[in-house]
Amino acid sequence: MGQKRPSWDEYFMSIAFQVATRSTCDRAHVGAIIVKEKRILTTGYNGAPMGLPHCDDVGHLMVGGHCVRTLHAEQNAIIQAALHGVSVRGGTIYVTHQPCLTCAKMIINAGLVRVVYAGEYPDPLAVQFLQEARVALEHFPWPLAEEDS
């Protein structure tokens, strides 16, 4: 017998973690992919805006305990869709970490209907906003337990 075929959520989450390897802020390597009808539309990772220096090159720009030099992975995935004229309405975003409030608001306004995330990020307001907007928020523990893989 061959290897167990991954579920769609396992497959897309593994790709989100691969996208995170491109991150240029070592405080958190975060990756996101937006999927619709089992097709990847865009990807994003946390990093500086185009043409600006990256944390890996010049260090972090800390304000209130957060590095503000970078855009979040979810933001970059949504921006890539807008930049290339790709509608993400009705899609799912897979993210290596739970979205923050700003990203949750962008997810809502982009018309995404489902968020699948692995790592916890303590932002109860983000959870509240997503729930109020009826965006499904699903925790997907990663890596998978040995018996699940």
Protein backbone atom coordinates (compact mmCIF):
# COMPACT_ATOMS: atom_id res chain seq x y z
CA MET A 1 0.00 0.00 0.00
CA GLY A 2 1.08 3.54 -0.73
CA GLN A 3 1.25 6.60 1.42
CA LYS A 4 -2.01 8.06 2.75
CA ARG A 5 -3.27 10.85 0.52
CA PRO A 6 -3.59 14.15 2.44
CA SER A 7 -6.96 15.83 2.88
CA TRP A 8 -7.41 19.15 1.08
CA ASP A 9 -6.91 21.01 4.38
CA GLU A 10 -3.69 19.07 5.06
CA TYR A 11 -2.47 19.73 1.52
CA PHE A 12 -3.17 23.48 1.56
CA MET A 13 -1.88 23.96 5.11
CA SER A 14 1.40 22.26 4.19
CA ILE A 15 1.74 24.71 1.28
CA ALA A 16 1.05 27.66 3.62
CA PHE A 17 3.94 26.47 5.80
CA GLN A 18 6.18 26.24 2.75
CA VAL A 19 5.19 29.80 1.76
CA ALA A 20 6.16 30.92 5.29
CA THR A 21 9.77 29.95 4.55
CA ARG A 22 9.97 33.09 2.34
CA SER A 23 9.24 35.36 5.33
CA THR A 24 11.77 38.14 5.90
CA CYS A 25 10.91 38.87 9.55
CA ASP A 26 12.38 36.31 11.91
CA ARG A 27 10.03 37.25 14.76
CA ALA A 28 7.42 35.03 13.09
CA HIS A 29 7.57 33.15 9.81
CA VAL A 30 3.97 33.34 8.62
CA GLY A 31 2.53 32.08 5.36
CA ALA A 32 -0.93 32.32 3.81
CA ILE A 33 -2.60 30.98 0.70
CA ILE A 34 -6.02 31.83 -0.68
CA VAL A 35 -7.89 28.96 -2.26
CA LYS A 36 -11.16 28.79 -4.16
CA GLU A 37 -12.70 25.63 -5.61
CA LYS A 38 -9.56 23.66 -4.64
CA ARG A 39 -7.32 26.01 -6.66
CA ILE A 40 -4.62 28.26 -5.21
CA LEU A 41 -5.31 31.87 -6.18
CA THR A 42 -2.56 33.74 -4.31
CA THR A 43 0.08 33.35 -1.66
CA GLY A 44 1.56 35.73 0.88
CA TYR A 45 4.17 35.81 3.61
CA ASN A 46 5.15 38.46 6.11
CA GLY A 47 7.70 40.87 4.74
CA ALA A 48 8.43 44.51 3.98
CA PRO A 49 6.56 46.41 1.25
CA MET A 50 8.06 46.15 -2.24
CA GLY A 51 11.34 48.02 -2.60
CA LEU A 52 11.77 48.67 1.12
CA PRO A 53 14.39 47.04 3.34
CA HIS A 54 13.55 43.78 5.10
CA CYS A 55 13.97 43.00 8.80
CA ASP A 56 16.49 40.32 7.84
CA ASP A 57 18.61 43.07 6.24
CA VAL A 58 18.23 46.10 8.54
CA GLY A 59 16.57 44.82 11.72
CA HIS A 60 13.13 45.16 13.20
CA LEU A 61 11.15 48.39 13.51
CA MET A 62 9.39 47.90 16.84
CA VAL A 63 6.36 49.91 17.95
CA GLY A 64 4.28 48.79 20.91
CA GLY A 65 5.91 45.36 20.97
CA HIS A 66 5.17 44.67 17.30
CA CYS A 67 7.42 44.85 14.26
CA VAL A 68 5.77 47.39 11.94
CA ARG A 69 8.27 47.06 9.11
CA THR A 70 6.36 44.14 7.60
CA LEU A 71 2.98 43.43 6.11
CA HIS A 72 1.27 40.30 7.40
CA ALA A 73 0.99 37.19 5.25
CA GLU A 74 -2.80 37.54 4.95
CA GLN A 75 -2.44 41.16 3.85
CA ASN A 76 0.10 40.22 1.20
CA ALA A 77 -2.09 37.39 -0.13
CA ILE A 78 -5.10 39.74 -0.42
CA ILE A 79 -2.98 42.50 -1.97
CA GLN A 80 -1.58 40.07 -4.55
CA ALA A 81 -5.13 39.19 -5.57
CA ALA A 82 -6.02 42.87 -5.97
CA LEU A 83 -2.79 43.63 -7.82
CA HIS A 84 -3.50 40.91 -10.38
CA GLY A 85 -7.29 41.33 -10.62
CA VAL A 86 -8.15 38.01 -8.98
CA SER A 87 -11.45 37.80 -7.08
CA VAL A 88 -11.13 35.90 -3.82
CA ARG A 89 -14.80 36.30 -2.87
CA GLY A 90 -16.12 33.01 -1.50
CA GLY A 91 -12.63 31.60 -0.96
CA THR A 92 -10.73 30.12 1.97
CA ILE A 93 -7.49 31.47 3.42
CA TYR A 94 -5.05 29.01 4.98
CA VAL A 95 -2.68 30.69 7.45
CA THR A 96 0.11 29.35 9.60
CA HIS A 97 -1.05 31.62 12.47
CA GLN A 98 -4.45 32.89 13.59
CA PRO A 99 -5.16 36.30 12.01
CA CYS A 100 -4.91 39.53 13.98
CA LEU A 101 -7.75 42.06 14.07
CA THR A 102 -6.49 44.09 11.09
CA CYS A 103 -6.11 40.95 8.98
CA ALA A 104 -9.53 39.70 10.12
CA LYS A 105 -11.11 42.94 8.88
CA MET A 106 -9.33 42.60 5.53
CA ILE A 107 -10.45 38.96 5.26
CA ILE A 108 -14.05 40.03 5.88
CA ASN A 109 -13.94 42.86 3.31
CA ALA A 110 -12.23 40.64 0.72
CA GLY A 111 -15.26 38.34 0.86
CA LEU A 112 -13.41 35.30 2.15
CA VAL A 113 -15.76 32.86 3.87
CA ARG A 114 -13.40 30.53 5.73
CA VAL A 115 -10.14 30.86 7.66
CA VAL A 116 -8.08 27.76 8.46
CA TYR A 117 -5.14 28.42 10.78
CA ALA A 118 -2.54 26.42 12.70
CA GLY A 119 -0.78 28.54 15.34
CA GLU A 120 -2.64 30.40 18.05
CA TYR A 121 -2.49 34.20 18.21
CA PRO A 122 -4.30 35.73 21.19
CA ASP A 123 -6.63 38.26 19.55
CA PRO A 124 -10.19 37.81 20.84
CA LEU A 125 -11.43 40.84 18.88
CA ALA A 126 -10.31 39.20 15.62
CA VAL A 127 -12.27 36.09 16.56
CA GLN A 128 -15.31 38.19 17.49
CA PHE A 129 -15.24 40.14 14.20
CA LEU A 130 -14.93 36.98 12.11
CA GLN A 131 -17.79 35.35 14.01
CA GLU A 132 -20.02 38.41 13.63
CA ALA A 133 -19.28 38.47 9.89
CA ARG A 134 -20.07 34.74 9.68
CA VAL A 135 -16.60 33.85 8.46
CA ALA A 136 -15.79 30.29 9.52
CA LEU A 137 -12.68 30.18 11.72
CA GLU A 138 -11.19 26.70 12.04
CA HIS A 139 -8.14 25.73 14.06
CA PHE A 140 -6.08 23.07 12.26
CA PRO A 141 -3.38 21.74 14.61
CA TRP A 142 0.00 21.44 12.90
CA PRO A 143 2.10 19.45 12.58
CA LEU A 144 -0.34 16.59 12.40
CA ALA A 145 -0.11 13.94 15.08
CA GLU A 146 1.83 10.87 13.92
CA GLU A 147 -1.31 8.70 13.90
CA ASP A 148 -3.10 11.28 11.72
CA SER A 149 -0.38 11.57 9.08
